[in-house]
Amino acid sequence: MFAELLLAIVLPSSSAQLSVSYADDSIQAVAQSNRRRKRSRKPRRSKRSSAQKFVPAQKTKSPQVQSVPVVATPKPKPVAPILDERPGMAALDVVAVSGVKAASARLINEAILSRLKTTDRFSSVLGSSDLQAMLSMEQQKAVLGCENDGCLAELGGALGVPLLFSADVGKVGGRFMLNMKILRVDEANVAARLTLVYASVDEMIQELNEAVDALSAKVFGEAIPESVIARSSAPIERTAEQRARRLRKFLVAGSTVVAGAGGALAATLYLDSEQQHFDDLVSYQSKDFERLDQAQNLANIGFGIGVGVALLGGVLFW
C-alpha cells in the first residue's frame, strides 16, 4: 500500500517535469527557427564591398604656398611748409587828378597792377576788387577820403599787408605827371616814391613797366635805371656805383671829344704849314704841286676823322 502511494506521488511529478522540459525544448526550437529566417532575409555582402567600406580615403595634399616676407616701406617724413618771406602788398586804384580821362587812368591802373605782380618781389598783390571784398562799406568810404600817409597806413593795417601802393596821374601844362609811392604800413612812412614826367599818355604807358620796376627796386634799396632818373622831376640820390659809372662815362666821352677835336685841329695846322711852304717858293715845280695836293688830301682825311671822333664823344655824353 505504501509502495502504491509512493508510485502515485512519483509518477505525476515526473510526468510534469517531462512536460515542462518538453515545453522548454519546443520554445527553444521555435526561437532558433525564427533566428534562421531572419538571417536568411539579410543580403549578403561581398568581401570586396566590405573591404572597400573600411579602407580610409587618402587625403590629397594641397600645394604649400611659400610666404614672401613683406618689407615695410618707411613712411615719408612730412615736409615742412616753405615760408614765403616776401612782403605782401595792397594796391589802390590810380587817381586821375586833372587833364586825364578816367578810361586812361583805368588802363594805367591795370598796367601797374599787372607789373607789380610780375616783378616777383611781393608774395601777393591785392587789387581793388580784392579790397572791396575785404573791406566793409564804411572802410571803403574812408578810402576815398584818405590823402595823408597816416590814413593810408591805417588802411593797410586793416588789410593785413605790410606795404600799400598808391598813385595819381595828371596833366600839368603840356606834360603828364605820374606820382607813385609805396608806404610801409607798420612804420607809417614812405618806402619809395617816384614822380615822373612824360610828353603824352601813350609815352607814359610805353615806359610804365620800367617805372614800376624802378619803384619796386627802390623799396629794397636797389639802384634804379638812369632813364628813370632822367624822367624824374625830383632830385634822386644816386648810389656810389651809379656815381662811379657816370664818372667813367663822362671821362670816356670827354676824352673822345678832345681826341677828335685835336685830330681835326692837327689836320688844319698841317695843311696851313704846307700851304705856307708852297707860298714861300720862288719857283714852282711839278713836285711842289704834288706835295701840296697830297697835304690837302691828308688834311681833309685827318679833319674828317677828328670831327667823327668828336661827334662820337658827344653821343657818349648823351
C-alpha atoms as a PDB file:
ATOM      1  CA  MET A   1       0.000   0.000   0.000  1.00  0.00           C
ATOM      2  CA  PHE A   2       2.788   2.231   0.900  1.00  0.00           C
ATOM      3  CA  ALA A   3       4.528   1.360  -2.345  1.00  0.00           C
ATOM      4  CA  GLU A   4       1.491   2.234  -4.414  1.00  0.00           C
ATOM      5  CA  LEU A   5       1.161   5.583  -2.719  1.00  0.00           C
ATOM      6  CA  LEU A   6       4.838   6.295  -3.403  1.00  0.00           C
ATOM      7  CA  LEU A   7       4.416   5.427  -7.093  1.00  0.00           C
ATOM      8  CA  ALA A   8       1.356   7.583  -7.294  1.00  0.00           C
ATOM      9  CA  ILE A   9       3.311  10.528  -5.936  1.00  0.00           C
ATOM     10  CA  VAL A  10       6.460   9.958  -8.035  1.00  0.00           C
ATOM     11  CA  LEU A  11       4.798   9.352 -11.380  1.00  0.00           C
ATOM     12  CA  PRO A  12       2.777  12.574 -11.557  1.00  0.00           C
ATOM     13  CA  SER A  13       5.803  14.666 -10.619  1.00  0.00           C
ATOM     14  CA  SER A  14       7.998  13.027 -13.278  1.00  0.00           C
ATOM     15  CA  SER A  15       5.327  13.492 -15.899  1.00  0.00           C
ATOM     16  CA  ALA A  16       5.089  17.117 -15.007  1.00  0.00           C
ATOM     17  CA  GLN A  17       8.835  17.555 -15.270  1.00  0.00           C
ATOM     18  CA  LEU A  18       8.777  15.830 -18.627  1.00  0.00           C
ATOM     19  CA  SER A  19       6.057  18.123 -19.854  1.00  0.00           C
ATOM     20  CA  VAL A  20       7.927  21.191 -18.655  1.00  0.00           C
ATOM     21  CA  SER A  21      11.155  20.106 -20.257  1.00  0.00           C
ATOM     22  CA  TYR A  22       9.331  19.324 -23.451  1.00  0.00           C
ATOM     23  CA  ALA A  23       7.768  22.741 -23.476  1.00  0.00           C
ATOM     24  CA  ASP A  24      11.149  24.427 -22.973  1.00  0.00           C
ATOM     25  CA  ASP A  25      12.620  22.420 -25.818  1.00  0.00           C
ATOM     26  CA  SER A  26       9.784  23.415 -28.138  1.00  0.00           C
ATOM     27  CA  ILE A  27      10.172  27.070 -27.267  1.00  0.00           C
ATOM     28  CA  GLN A  28      13.907  26.995 -27.935  1.00  0.00           C
ATOM     29  CA  ALA A  29      13.317  25.262 -31.258  1.00  0.00           C
ATOM     30  CA  VAL A  30      10.841  27.918 -32.345  1.00  0.00           C
ATOM     31  CA  ALA A  31      13.258  30.665 -31.378  1.00  0.00           C
ATOM     32  CA  GLN A  32      16.097  29.072 -33.337  1.00  0.00           C
ATOM     33  CA  SER A  33      13.910  28.729 -36.401  1.00  0.00           C
ATOM     34  CA  ASN A  34      12.966  32.389 -36.215  1.00  0.00           C
ATOM     35  CA  ARG A  35      16.592  33.406 -35.996  1.00  0.00           C
ATOM     36  CA  ARG A  36      17.449  31.355 -39.049  1.00  0.00           C
ATOM     37  CA  ARG A  37      14.675  33.034 -41.009  1.00  0.00           C
ATOM     38  CA  LYS A  38      15.918  36.474 -40.095  1.00  0.00           C
ATOM     39  CA  ARG A  39      19.455  35.562 -41.149  1.00  0.00           C
ATOM     40  CA  SER A  40      18.214  34.183 -44.447  1.00  0.00           C
ATOM     41  CA  ARG A  41      16.428  37.515 -45.179  1.00  0.00           C
ATOM     42  CA  LYS A  42      19.562  39.712 -44.704  1.00  0.00           C
ATOM     43  CA  PRO A  43      21.527  40.430 -48.014  1.00  0.00           C
ATOM     44  CA  ARG A  44      24.961  39.034 -48.230  1.00  0.00           C
ATOM     45  CA  ARG A  45      27.759  41.484 -48.580  1.00  0.00           C
ATOM     46  CA  SER A  46      30.781  40.653 -50.644  1.00  0.00           C
ATOM     47  CA  LYS A  47      34.173  40.762 -49.141  1.00  0.00           C
ATOM     48  CA  ARG A  48      35.201  43.300 -51.734  1.00  0.00           C
ATOM     49  CA  SER A  49      32.487  45.767 -50.743  1.00  0.00           C
ATOM     50  CA  SER A  50      33.266  45.324 -47.112  1.00  0.00           C
ATOM     51  CA  ALA A  51      36.888  45.818 -47.778  1.00  0.00           C
ATOM     52  CA  GLN A  52      36.146  48.992 -49.752  1.00  0.00           C
ATOM     53  CA  LYS A  53      33.977  50.234 -46.978  1.00  0.00           C
ATOM     54  CA  PHE A  54      36.615  50.117 -44.367  1.00  0.00           C
ATOM     55  CA  VAL A  55      39.543  51.388 -46.434  1.00  0.00           C
ATOM     56  CA  PRO A  56      40.100  55.021 -45.414  1.00  0.00           C
ATOM     57  CA  ALA A  57      40.223  57.555 -48.261  1.00  0.00           C
ATOM     58  CA  GLN A  58      43.639  59.038 -48.873  1.00  0.00           C
ATOM     59  CA  LYS A  59      43.840  62.729 -48.261  1.00  0.00           C
ATOM     60  CA  THR A  60      45.262  64.841 -51.121  1.00  0.00           C
ATOM     61  CA  LYS A  61      47.904  67.250 -50.005  1.00  0.00           C
ATOM     62  CA  SER A  62      47.262  70.849 -51.023  1.00  0.00           C
ATOM     63  CA  PRO A  63      50.273  72.684 -52.538  1.00  0.00           C
ATOM     64  CA  GLN A  64      52.082  74.683 -49.971  1.00  0.00           C
ATOM     65  CA  VAL A  65      52.312  78.409 -50.727  1.00  0.00           C
ATOM     66  CA  GLN A  66      55.612  79.889 -49.781  1.00  0.00           C
ATOM     67  CA  SER A  67      55.157  83.019 -47.762  1.00  0.00           C
ATOM     68  CA  VAL A  68      57.055  86.032 -49.115  1.00  0.00           C
ATOM     69  CA  PRO A  69      58.427  88.304 -46.424  1.00  0.00           C
ATOM     70  CA  VAL A  70      56.780  91.717 -46.591  1.00  0.00           C
ATOM     71  CA  VAL A  71      59.219  94.581 -46.225  1.00  0.00           C
ATOM     72  CA  ALA A  72      57.643  97.546 -44.507  1.00  0.00           C
ATOM     73  CA  THR A  73      58.257 100.708 -46.522  1.00  0.00           C
ATOM     74  CA  PRO A  74      59.184 103.669 -44.354  1.00  0.00           C
ATOM     75  CA  LYS A  75      56.598 106.387 -44.205  1.00  0.00           C
ATOM     76  CA  PRO A  76      57.702 109.637 -45.857  1.00  0.00           C
ATOM     77  CA  LYS A  77      58.559 112.337 -43.433  1.00  0.00           C
ATOM     78  CA  PRO A  78      56.211 115.294 -43.506  1.00  0.00           C
ATOM     79  CA  VAL A  79      57.709 118.170 -45.433  1.00  0.00           C
ATOM     80  CA  ALA A  80      57.745 121.413 -43.551  1.00  0.00           C
ATOM     81  CA  PRO A  81      55.915 124.202 -45.410  1.00  0.00           C
ATOM     82  CA  ILE A  82      58.154 126.759 -47.061  1.00  0.00           C
ATOM     83  CA  LEU A  83      57.523 130.193 -45.649  1.00  0.00           C
ATOM     84  CA  ASP A  84      57.373 132.999 -48.176  1.00  0.00           C
ATOM     85  CA  GLU A  85      59.465 135.835 -46.793  1.00  0.00           C
ATOM     86  CA  ARG A  86      58.414 138.284 -49.495  1.00  0.00           C
ATOM     87  CA  PRO A  87      56.128 141.056 -48.254  1.00  0.00           C
ATOM     88  CA  GLY A  88      52.536 141.347 -49.390  1.00  0.00           C
ATOM     89  CA  MET A  89      51.074 144.483 -50.942  1.00  0.00           C
ATOM     90  CA  ALA A  90      47.717 146.126 -51.476  1.00  0.00           C
ATOM     91  CA  ALA A  91      47.367 148.451 -54.464  1.00  0.00           C
ATOM     92  CA  LEU A  92      44.832 151.276 -54.515  1.00  0.00           C
ATOM     93  CA  ASP A  93      43.365 152.491 -57.793  1.00  0.00           C
ATOM     94  CA  VAL A  94      45.226 155.198 -59.706  1.00  0.00           C
ATOM     95  CA  VAL A  95      43.514 158.549 -59.203  1.00  0.00           C
ATOM     96  CA  ALA A  96      43.032 160.798 -62.258  1.00  0.00           C
ATOM     97  CA  VAL A  97      43.702 164.311 -60.946  1.00  0.00           C
ATOM     98  CA  SER A  98      43.299 166.650 -63.932  1.00  0.00           C
ATOM     99  CA  GLY A  99      43.585 166.518 -67.690  1.00  0.00           C
ATOM    100  CA  VAL A 100      43.456 162.709 -67.785  1.00  0.00           C
ATOM    101  CA  LYS A 101      40.380 160.727 -68.744  1.00  0.00           C
ATOM    102  CA  ALA A 102      39.012 158.072 -66.405  1.00  0.00           C
ATOM    103  CA  ALA A 103      39.476 155.403 -69.093  1.00  0.00           C
ATOM    104  CA  SER A 104      43.176 156.265 -69.397  1.00  0.00           C
ATOM    105  CA  ALA A 105      43.534 156.124 -65.607  1.00  0.00           C
ATOM    106  CA  ARG A 106      41.961 152.647 -65.584  1.00  0.00           C
ATOM    107  CA  LEU A 107      44.399 151.448 -68.251  1.00  0.00           C
ATOM    108  CA  ILE A 108      47.329 152.831 -66.284  1.00  0.00           C
ATOM    109  CA  ASN A 109      45.976 151.214 -63.105  1.00  0.00           C
ATOM    110  CA  GLU A 110      45.663 147.766 -64.697  1.00  0.00           C
ATOM    111  CA  ALA A 111      49.130 148.038 -66.246  1.00  0.00           C
ATOM    112  CA  ILE A 112      50.694 148.968 -62.884  1.00  0.00           C
ATOM    113  CA  LEU A 113      48.850 146.184 -61.041  1.00  0.00           C
ATOM    114  CA  SER A 114      49.920 143.587 -63.606  1.00  0.00           C
ATOM    115  CA  ARG A 115      53.528 144.735 -63.470  1.00  0.00           C
ATOM    116  CA  LEU A 116      53.632 144.655 -59.675  1.00  0.00           C
ATOM    117  CA  LYS A 117      52.538 141.021 -59.782  1.00  0.00           C
ATOM    118  CA  THR A 118      55.104 140.019 -62.437  1.00  0.00           C
ATOM    119  CA  THR A 119      58.078 141.592 -60.652  1.00  0.00           C
ATOM    120  CA  ASP A 120      58.020 138.559 -58.293  1.00  0.00           C
ATOM    121  CA  ARG A 121      59.187 140.774 -55.427  1.00  0.00           C
ATOM    122  CA  PHE A 122      55.932 140.532 -53.458  1.00  0.00           C
ATOM    123  CA  SER A 123      54.165 137.438 -52.146  1.00  0.00           C
ATOM    124  CA  SER A 124      50.752 138.818 -53.114  1.00  0.00           C
ATOM    125  CA  VAL A 125      49.316 141.945 -54.681  1.00  0.00           C
ATOM    126  CA  LEU A 126      45.723 142.787 -53.802  1.00  0.00           C
ATOM    127  CA  GLY A 127      43.776 144.870 -56.318  1.00  0.00           C
ATOM    128  CA  SER A 128      40.665 146.994 -55.974  1.00  0.00           C
ATOM    129  CA  SER A 129      38.317 144.009 -56.366  1.00  0.00           C
ATOM    130  CA  ASP A 130      40.105 142.223 -53.529  1.00  0.00           C
ATOM    131  CA  LEU A 131      39.908 145.331 -51.364  1.00  0.00           C
ATOM    132  CA  GLN A 132      36.167 145.658 -51.932  1.00  0.00           C
ATOM    133  CA  ALA A 133      35.694 142.049 -50.821  1.00  0.00           C
ATOM    134  CA  MET A 134      37.793 142.541 -47.678  1.00  0.00           C
ATOM    135  CA  LEU A 135      36.660 145.980 -46.554  1.00  0.00           C
ATOM    136  CA  SER A 136      33.312 146.982 -45.159  1.00  0.00           C
ATOM    137  CA  MET A 137      31.253 149.794 -46.653  1.00  0.00           C
ATOM    138  CA  GLU A 138      32.444 152.239 -44.007  1.00  0.00           C
ATOM    139  CA  GLN A 139      36.078 151.365 -44.665  1.00  0.00           C
ATOM    140  CA  GLN A 140      35.553 151.751 -48.415  1.00  0.00           C
ATOM    141  CA  LYS A 141      34.141 155.214 -47.824  1.00  0.00           C
ATOM    142  CA  ALA A 142      37.154 156.016 -45.648  1.00  0.00           C
ATOM    143  CA  VAL A 143      39.456 155.038 -48.509  1.00  0.00           C
ATOM    144  CA  LEU A 144      38.019 157.834 -50.647  1.00  0.00           C
ATOM    145  CA  GLY A 145      38.956 160.376 -48.001  1.00  0.00           C
ATOM    146  CA  CYS A 146      42.478 159.024 -47.399  1.00  0.00           C
ATOM    147  CA  GLU A 147      45.029 161.584 -48.504  1.00  0.00           C
ATOM    148  CA  ASN A 148      47.820 161.575 -45.915  1.00  0.00           C
ATOM    149  CA  ASP A 149      50.242 158.742 -45.153  1.00  0.00           C
ATOM    150  CA  GLY A 150      48.804 158.104 -41.680  1.00  0.00           C
ATOM    151  CA  CYS A 151      45.358 157.356 -43.056  1.00  0.00           C
ATOM    152  CA  LEU A 152      46.811 155.049 -45.688  1.00  0.00           C
ATOM    153  CA  ALA A 153      48.835 153.242 -43.021  1.00  0.00           C
ATOM    154  CA  GLU A 154      45.671 152.579 -41.023  1.00  0.00           C
ATOM    155  CA  LEU A 155      44.014 151.264 -44.166  1.00  0.00           C
ATOM    156  CA  GLY A 156      46.934 148.905 -44.816  1.00  0.00           C
ATOM    157  CA  GLY A 157      46.750 147.691 -41.227  1.00  0.00           C
ATOM    158  CA  ALA A 158      43.088 146.842 -41.727  1.00  0.00           C
ATOM    159  CA  LEU A 159      44.025 144.811 -44.812  1.00  0.00           C
ATOM    160  CA  GLY A 160      46.828 142.953 -43.008  1.00  0.00           C
ATOM    161  CA  VAL A 161      49.582 143.765 -45.535  1.00  0.00           C
ATOM    162  CA  PRO A 162      52.956 145.414 -44.789  1.00  0.00           C
ATOM    163  CA  LEU A 163      53.041 147.513 -47.990  1.00  0.00           C
ATOM    164  CA  LEU A 164      50.472 149.783 -49.634  1.00  0.00           C
ATOM    165  CA  PHE A 165      50.729 151.237 -53.148  1.00  0.00           C
ATOM    166  CA  SER A 166      49.030 154.440 -54.265  1.00  0.00           C
ATOM    167  CA  ALA A 167      49.379 156.645 -57.353  1.00  0.00           C
ATOM    168  CA  ASP A 168      47.824 159.567 -59.176  1.00  0.00           C
ATOM    169  CA  VAL A 169      48.214 160.932 -62.683  1.00  0.00           C
ATOM    170  CA  GLY A 170      47.501 164.371 -64.066  1.00  0.00           C
ATOM    171  CA  LYS A 171      48.390 166.933 -66.692  1.00  0.00           C
ATOM    172  CA  VAL A 172      50.493 169.955 -65.765  1.00  0.00           C
ATOM    173  CA  GLY A 173      50.947 172.482 -68.564  1.00  0.00           C
ATOM    174  CA  GLY A 174      51.579 170.430 -71.663  1.00  0.00           C
ATOM    175  CA  ARG A 175      53.146 167.448 -69.880  1.00  0.00           C
ATOM    176  CA  PHE A 176      51.752 164.463 -67.953  1.00  0.00           C
ATOM    177  CA  MET A 177      52.939 163.687 -64.448  1.00  0.00           C
ATOM    178  CA  LEU A 178      52.759 160.294 -62.700  1.00  0.00           C
ATOM    179  CA  ASN A 179      53.189 160.178 -58.921  1.00  0.00           C
ATOM    180  CA  MET A 180      53.734 156.739 -57.339  1.00  0.00           C
ATOM    181  CA  LYS A 181      54.629 155.733 -53.806  1.00  0.00           C
ATOM    182  CA  ILE A 182      54.799 152.602 -51.672  1.00  0.00           C
ATOM    183  CA  LEU A 183      54.046 153.006 -47.980  1.00  0.00           C
ATOM    184  CA  ARG A 184      55.315 150.836 -45.115  1.00  0.00           C
ATOM    185  CA  VAL A 185      52.234 150.172 -43.061  1.00  0.00           C
ATOM    186  CA  ASP A 186      53.929 149.202 -39.786  1.00  0.00           C
ATOM    187  CA  GLU A 187      56.197 152.245 -39.717  1.00  0.00           C
ATOM    188  CA  ALA A 188      53.722 154.642 -41.383  1.00  0.00           C
ATOM    189  CA  ASN A 189      56.424 156.065 -43.672  1.00  0.00           C
ATOM    190  CA  VAL A 190      57.142 156.091 -47.386  1.00  0.00           C
ATOM    191  CA  ALA A 191      59.416 153.266 -48.556  1.00  0.00           C
ATOM    192  CA  ALA A 192      59.748 154.545 -52.136  1.00  0.00           C
ATOM    193  CA  ARG A 193      58.447 157.478 -54.126  1.00  0.00           C
ATOM    194  CA  LEU A 194      58.756 158.463 -57.793  1.00  0.00           C
ATOM    195  CA  THR A 195      57.461 161.453 -59.721  1.00  0.00           C
ATOM    196  CA  LEU A 196      57.891 161.020 -63.466  1.00  0.00           C
ATOM    197  CA  VAL A 197      57.121 163.422 -66.321  1.00  0.00           C
ATOM    198  CA  TYR A 198      56.072 162.335 -69.827  1.00  0.00           C
ATOM    199  CA  ALA A 199      55.180 164.120 -73.037  1.00  0.00           C
ATOM    200  CA  SER A 200      51.966 162.099 -73.565  1.00  0.00           C
ATOM    201  CA  VAL A 201      49.848 159.355 -72.037  1.00  0.00           C
ATOM    202  CA  ASP A 202      50.997 156.944 -74.760  1.00  0.00           C
ATOM    203  CA  GLU A 203      54.628 157.555 -73.815  1.00  0.00           C
ATOM    204  CA  MET A 204      53.735 157.024 -70.149  1.00  0.00           C
ATOM    205  CA  ILE A 205      52.087 153.651 -70.861  1.00  0.00           C
ATOM    206  CA  GLN A 206      55.031 152.509 -73.004  1.00  0.00           C
ATOM    207  CA  GLU A 207      57.559 153.203 -70.245  1.00  0.00           C
ATOM    208  CA  LEU A 208      55.327 152.249 -67.336  1.00  0.00           C
ATOM    209  CA  ASN A 209      56.893 148.813 -66.758  1.00  0.00           C
ATOM    210  CA  GLU A 210      60.332 150.347 -66.309  1.00  0.00           C
ATOM    211  CA  ALA A 211      58.934 152.906 -63.870  1.00  0.00           C
ATOM    212  CA  VAL A 212      57.171 150.240 -61.758  1.00  0.00           C
ATOM    213  CA  ASP A 213      60.321 148.090 -61.714  1.00  0.00           C
ATOM    214  CA  ALA A 214      62.346 151.092 -60.553  1.00  0.00           C
ATOM    215  CA  LEU A 215      59.852 151.838 -57.776  1.00  0.00           C
ATOM    216  CA  SER A 216      59.916 148.200 -56.613  1.00  0.00           C
ATOM    217  CA  ALA A 217      63.726 148.158 -56.673  1.00  0.00           C
ATOM    218  CA  LYS A 218      63.851 151.317 -54.584  1.00  0.00           C
ATOM    219  CA  VAL A 219      61.750 149.637 -51.869  1.00  0.00           C
ATOM    220  CA  PHE A 220      64.508 147.053 -51.389  1.00  0.00           C
ATOM    221  CA  GLY A 221      67.342 149.603 -51.585  1.00  0.00           C
ATOM    222  CA  GLU A 222      68.458 148.706 -55.095  1.00  0.00           C
ATOM    223  CA  ALA A 223      69.676 151.071 -57.811  1.00  0.00           C
ATOM    224  CA  ILE A 224      67.226 152.327 -60.428  1.00  0.00           C
ATOM    225  CA  PRO A 225      67.924 152.898 -64.156  1.00  0.00           C
ATOM    226  CA  GLU A 226      69.362 156.173 -65.369  1.00  0.00           C
ATOM    227  CA  SER A 227      66.479 156.585 -67.810  1.00  0.00           C
ATOM    228  CA  VAL A 228      64.018 156.684 -64.899  1.00  0.00           C
ATOM    229  CA  ILE A 229      66.219 159.169 -63.046  1.00  0.00           C
ATOM    230  CA  ALA A 230      66.273 161.399 -66.111  1.00  0.00           C
ATOM    231  CA  ARG A 231      62.457 161.425 -66.221  1.00  0.00           C
ATOM    232  CA  SER A 232      62.104 162.218 -62.565  1.00  0.00           C
ATOM    233  CA  SER A 233      61.284 165.798 -61.760  1.00  0.00           C
ATOM    234  CA  ALA A 234      62.595 165.450 -58.205  1.00  0.00           C
ATOM    235  CA  PRO A 235      66.289 165.004 -57.424  1.00  0.00           C
ATOM    236  CA  ILE A 236      67.121 161.382 -56.644  1.00  0.00           C
ATOM    237  CA  GLU A 237      70.229 160.445 -54.735  1.00  0.00           C
ATOM    238  CA  ARG A 238      72.439 158.133 -56.772  1.00  0.00           C
ATOM    239  CA  THR A 239      74.303 155.200 -55.297  1.00  0.00           C
ATOM    240  CA  ALA A 240      78.123 155.047 -55.203  1.00  0.00           C
ATOM    241  CA  GLU A 241      78.134 152.561 -58.072  1.00  0.00           C
ATOM    242  CA  GLN A 242      75.927 154.805 -60.194  1.00  0.00           C
ATOM    243  CA  ARG A 243      78.147 157.801 -59.487  1.00  0.00           C
ATOM    244  CA  ALA A 244      81.266 155.838 -60.455  1.00  0.00           C
ATOM    245  CA  ARG A 245      79.605 154.596 -63.654  1.00  0.00           C
ATOM    246  CA  ARG A 246      78.528 158.116 -64.554  1.00  0.00           C
ATOM    247  CA  LEU A 247      82.073 159.417 -63.929  1.00  0.00           C
ATOM    248  CA  ARG A 248      83.539 156.777 -66.218  1.00  0.00           C
ATOM    249  CA  LYS A 249      81.017 157.713 -68.859  1.00  0.00           C
ATOM    250  CA  PHE A 250      81.992 161.387 -68.717  1.00  0.00           C
ATOM    251  CA  LEU A 251      85.695 160.547 -68.836  1.00  0.00           C
ATOM    252  CA  VAL A 252      85.348 158.321 -71.886  1.00  0.00           C
ATOM    253  CA  ALA A 253      83.051 160.725 -73.696  1.00  0.00           C
ATOM    254  CA  GLY A 254      85.192 163.743 -72.834  1.00  0.00           C
ATOM    255  CA  SER A 255      88.436 162.099 -73.923  1.00  0.00           C
ATOM    256  CA  THR A 256      86.775 161.054 -77.173  1.00  0.00           C
ATOM    257  CA  VAL A 257      85.617 164.591 -77.886  1.00  0.00           C
ATOM    258  CA  VAL A 258      89.051 166.025 -77.056  1.00  0.00           C
ATOM    259  CA  ALA A 259      90.789 163.452 -79.247  1.00  0.00           C
ATOM    260  CA  GLY A 260      88.504 164.157 -82.175  1.00  0.00           C
ATOM    261  CA  ALA A 261      88.826 167.899 -81.851  1.00  0.00           C
ATOM    262  CA  GLY A 262      92.603 167.575 -81.530  1.00  0.00           C
ATOM    263  CA  GLY A 263      92.813 165.462 -84.665  1.00  0.00           C
ATOM    264  CA  ALA A 264      90.779 167.956 -86.666  1.00  0.00           C
ATOM    265  CA  LEU A 265      92.937 170.829 -85.382  1.00  0.00           C
ATOM    266  CA  ALA A 266      96.145 168.978 -86.198  1.00  0.00           C
ATOM    267  CA  ALA A 267      94.953 168.333 -89.745  1.00  0.00           C
ATOM    268  CA  THR A 268      94.158 172.043 -90.170  1.00  0.00           C
ATOM    269  CA  LEU A 269      97.551 173.132 -88.858  1.00  0.00           C
ATOM    270  CA  TYR A 270      99.313 170.656 -91.107  1.00  0.00           C
ATOM    271  CA  LEU A 271      97.521 171.984 -94.159  1.00  0.00           C
ATOM    272  CA  ASP A 272      98.338 175.589 -93.179  1.00  0.00           C
ATOM    273  CA  SER A 273     102.039 174.808 -92.851  1.00  0.00           C
ATOM    274  CA  GLU A 274     102.178 173.116 -96.228  1.00  0.00           C
ATOM    275  CA  GLN A 275     100.325 175.985 -97.825  1.00  0.00           C
ATOM    276  CA  GLN A 276     102.771 178.460 -96.269  1.00  0.00           C
ATOM    277  CA  HIS A 277     105.695 176.443 -97.579  1.00  0.00           C
ATOM    278  CA  PHE A 278     104.195 176.418-101.060  1.00  0.00           C
ATOM    279  CA  ASP A 279     103.642 180.176-100.954  1.00  0.00           C
ATOM    280  CA  ASP A 280     107.265 180.839 -99.934  1.00  0.00           C
ATOM    281  CA  LEU A 281     108.669 179.135-103.016  1.00  0.00           C
ATOM    282  CA  VAL A 282     110.183 181.431-105.719  1.00  0.00           C
ATOM    283  CA  SER A 283     109.760 178.951-108.499  1.00  0.00           C
ATOM    284  CA  TYR A 284     107.330 176.085-108.680  1.00  0.00           C
ATOM    285  CA  GLN A 285     107.974 172.639-109.952  1.00  0.00           C
ATOM    286  CA  SER A 286     105.601 169.752-110.533  1.00  0.00           C
ATOM    287  CA  LYS A 287     106.692 168.025-107.344  1.00  0.00           C
ATOM    288  CA  ASP A 288     105.711 171.111-105.350  1.00  0.00           C
ATOM    289  CA  PHE A 289     102.177 170.939-106.670  1.00  0.00           C
ATOM    290  CA  GLU A 290     102.014 167.224-105.949  1.00  0.00           C
ATOM    291  CA  ARG A 291     103.200 167.852-102.405  1.00  0.00           C
ATOM    292  CA  LEU A 292     100.544 170.476-101.839  1.00  0.00           C
ATOM    293  CA  ASP A 293      97.832 168.200-103.253  1.00  0.00           C
ATOM    294  CA  GLN A 294      98.945 165.360-101.017  1.00  0.00           C
ATOM    295  CA  ALA A 295      98.929 167.632 -97.978  1.00  0.00           C
ATOM    296  CA  GLN A 296      95.418 168.778 -98.763  1.00  0.00           C
ATOM    297  CA  ASN A 297      94.195 165.183 -99.070  1.00  0.00           C
ATOM    298  CA  LEU A 298      95.813 164.134 -95.807  1.00  0.00           C
ATOM    299  CA  ALA A 299      94.452 167.194 -94.020  1.00  0.00           C
ATOM    300  CA  ASN A 300      90.961 166.519 -95.264  1.00  0.00           C
ATOM    301  CA  ILE A 301      91.108 162.908 -94.125  1.00  0.00           C
ATOM    302  CA  GLY A 302      92.510 163.868 -90.734  1.00  0.00           C
ATOM    303  CA  PHE A 303      89.937 166.612 -90.302  1.00  0.00           C
ATOM    304  CA  GLY A 304      87.082 164.230 -91.141  1.00  0.00           C
ATOM    305  CA  ILE A 305      88.318 161.617 -88.706  1.00  0.00           C
ATOM    306  CA  GLY A 306      88.706 164.198 -85.967  1.00  0.00           C
ATOM    307  CA  VAL A 307      85.216 165.548 -86.479  1.00  0.00           C
ATOM    308  CA  GLY A 308      83.784 161.993 -86.464  1.00  0.00           C
ATOM    309  CA  VAL A 309      85.530 161.087 -83.206  1.00  0.00           C
ATOM    310  CA  ALA A 310      84.320 164.326 -81.614  1.00  0.00           C
ATOM    311  CA  LEU A 311      80.741 163.522 -82.644  1.00  0.00           C
ATOM    312  CA  LEU A 312      81.098 160.037 -81.162  1.00  0.00           C
ATOM    313  CA  GLY A 313      82.145 161.618 -77.883  1.00  0.00           C
ATOM    314  CA  GLY A 314      79.031 163.791 -77.962  1.00  0.00           C
ATOM    315  CA  VAL A 315      76.870 160.708 -78.460  1.00  0.00           C
ATOM    316  CA  LEU A 316      78.524 159.063 -75.446  1.00  0.00           C
ATOM    317  CA  PHE A 317      77.668 162.103 -73.384  1.00  0.00           C
ATOM    318  CA  TRP A 318      74.024 161.681 -74.334  1.00  0.00           C
END
